[in-house]
């Protein structure tokens, strides 16, 4: 094992969902985004829905294009180890806009 090797795995599902939400807010299709970043629309679908890891280049293009901050996904648990279910719920809540949060609170 190499020194300083980090064994944590980044769960890309939450960030993929945030990218999907941002794309939909712009009214763009997966095919249109794929054309913009010179990829196949299946690649965009897999990133958004299956948590597929994009290349670093594509990752930077997508978060820049949609102005999505990755901090909430990388540091979603505040450094503490928590269940993957809790992390997923936190990511989904963090990706909600004010209107969605208001509706969510209304039904509590």
Protein backbone atom coordinates (compact mmCIF):
# COMPACT_ATOMS: atom_id res chain seq x y z
CA UNK A 1 0.00 0.00 0.00
CA UNK A 2 1.30 3.44 -0.91
CA UNK A 3 1.81 6.08 1.76
CA UNK A 4 -0.96 8.65 2.05
CA UNK A 5 -3.28 6.51 -0.05
CA UNK A 6 -6.85 7.54 0.62
CA UNK A 7 -9.12 4.50 0.61
CA UNK A 8 -12.37 6.49 0.58
CA UNK A 9 -14.47 6.19 -2.54
CA UNK A 10 -16.32 9.21 -3.82
CA UNK A 11 -20.00 8.50 -4.37
CA UNK A 12 -20.85 10.34 -7.58
CA UNK A 13 -24.63 9.74 -7.37
CA UNK A 14 -25.38 12.97 -5.51
CA UNK A 15 -23.31 15.13 -7.80
CA UNK A 16 -24.83 13.41 -10.82
CA UNK A 17 -28.30 14.25 -9.47
CA UNK A 18 -27.27 17.89 -8.93
CA UNK A 19 -25.96 18.10 -12.49
CA UNK A 20 -29.23 16.65 -13.77
CA UNK A 21 -31.25 19.16 -11.76
CA UNK A 22 -29.14 22.06 -13.07
CA UNK A 23 -29.49 20.80 -16.64
CA UNK A 24 -33.24 20.48 -16.31
CA UNK A 25 -33.51 23.97 -14.79
CA UNK A 26 -31.87 25.31 -17.96
CA UNK A 27 -34.31 23.31 -20.07
CA UNK A 28 -31.47 21.44 -21.77
CA UNK A 29 -31.63 17.83 -22.91
CA UNK A 30 -28.96 15.25 -22.25
CA UNK A 31 -28.32 15.18 -25.99
CA UNK A 32 -27.70 18.94 -26.05
CA UNK A 33 -25.26 18.76 -23.13
CA UNK A 34 -23.52 15.80 -24.76
CA UNK A 35 -23.08 17.84 -27.93
CA UNK A 36 -21.66 20.78 -25.95
CA UNK A 37 -19.05 18.60 -24.26
CA UNK A 38 -18.39 16.38 -27.29
CA UNK A 39 -19.64 13.17 -25.68
CA UNK A 40 -22.41 10.66 -26.30
CA UNK A 41 -25.77 11.36 -24.61
CA UNK A 42 -25.54 7.93 -22.96
CA UNK A 43 -22.47 9.19 -21.10
CA UNK A 44 -24.43 12.13 -19.69
CA UNK A 45 -27.31 9.82 -18.76
CA UNK A 46 -24.98 7.45 -16.91
CA UNK A 47 -23.33 10.29 -15.00
CA UNK A 48 -26.68 11.74 -13.94
CA UNK A 49 -28.57 8.54 -13.17
CA UNK A 50 -26.01 5.87 -12.36
CA UNK A 51 -23.26 7.88 -10.71
CA UNK A 52 -20.74 7.01 -13.43
CA UNK A 53 -17.38 8.67 -12.91
CA UNK A 54 -16.59 11.12 -15.72
CA UNK A 55 -13.07 11.88 -16.84
CA UNK A 56 -11.51 14.78 -14.95
CA UNK A 57 -11.83 16.98 -18.04
CA UNK A 58 -15.52 16.23 -18.41
CA UNK A 59 -16.07 16.64 -14.66
CA UNK A 60 -14.61 20.16 -14.78
CA UNK A 61 -16.63 21.05 -17.89
CA UNK A 62 -19.90 19.94 -16.32
CA UNK A 63 -19.51 21.58 -12.91
CA UNK A 64 -18.34 24.77 -14.59
CA UNK A 65 -21.13 24.75 -17.18
CA UNK A 66 -23.80 24.33 -14.52
CA UNK A 67 -22.05 26.26 -11.73
CA UNK A 68 -22.35 23.30 -9.36
CA UNK A 69 -20.17 23.40 -6.24
CA UNK A 70 -18.62 20.07 -5.35
CA UNK A 71 -17.92 20.99 -1.71
CA UNK A 72 -21.30 19.82 -0.46
CA UNK A 73 -20.69 16.41 -2.01
CA UNK A 74 -17.08 15.94 -1.02
CA UNK A 75 -17.60 17.22 2.53
CA UNK A 76 -21.27 16.27 2.88
CA UNK A 77 -20.71 14.46 6.16
CA UNK A 78 -18.56 17.15 7.77
CA UNK A 79 -15.70 14.69 8.04
CA UNK A 80 -17.66 12.15 10.09
CA UNK A 81 -18.34 8.67 8.79
CA UNK A 82 -22.05 8.23 8.21
CA UNK A 83 -24.21 5.74 6.41
CA UNK A 84 -24.50 5.92 2.64
CA UNK A 85 -28.26 6.34 3.02
CA UNK A 86 -27.76 9.40 5.27
CA UNK A 87 -25.22 10.84 2.81
CA UNK A 88 -27.65 10.34 -0.07
CA UNK A 89 -30.47 12.07 1.83
CA UNK A 90 -28.16 14.96 2.73
CA UNK A 91 -27.10 15.35 -0.90
CA UNK A 92 -30.71 15.36 -2.08
CA UNK A 93 -31.72 17.95 0.52
CA UNK A 94 -28.73 20.11 -0.35
CA UNK A 95 -29.69 20.02 -4.03
CA UNK A 96 -33.25 21.30 -3.41
CA UNK A 97 -34.10 24.89 -4.22
CA UNK A 98 -36.01 27.16 -1.81
CA UNK A 99 -39.42 26.34 -3.32
CA UNK A 100 -38.85 22.61 -3.02
CA UNK A 101 -37.65 22.96 0.56
CA UNK A 102 -40.73 25.02 1.41
CA UNK A 103 -43.01 22.34 -0.03
CA UNK A 104 -41.06 19.68 1.84
CA UNK A 105 -41.46 21.58 5.14
CA UNK A 106 -45.17 22.05 4.42
CA UNK A 107 -45.69 18.28 4.44
CA UNK A 108 -43.71 17.64 7.64
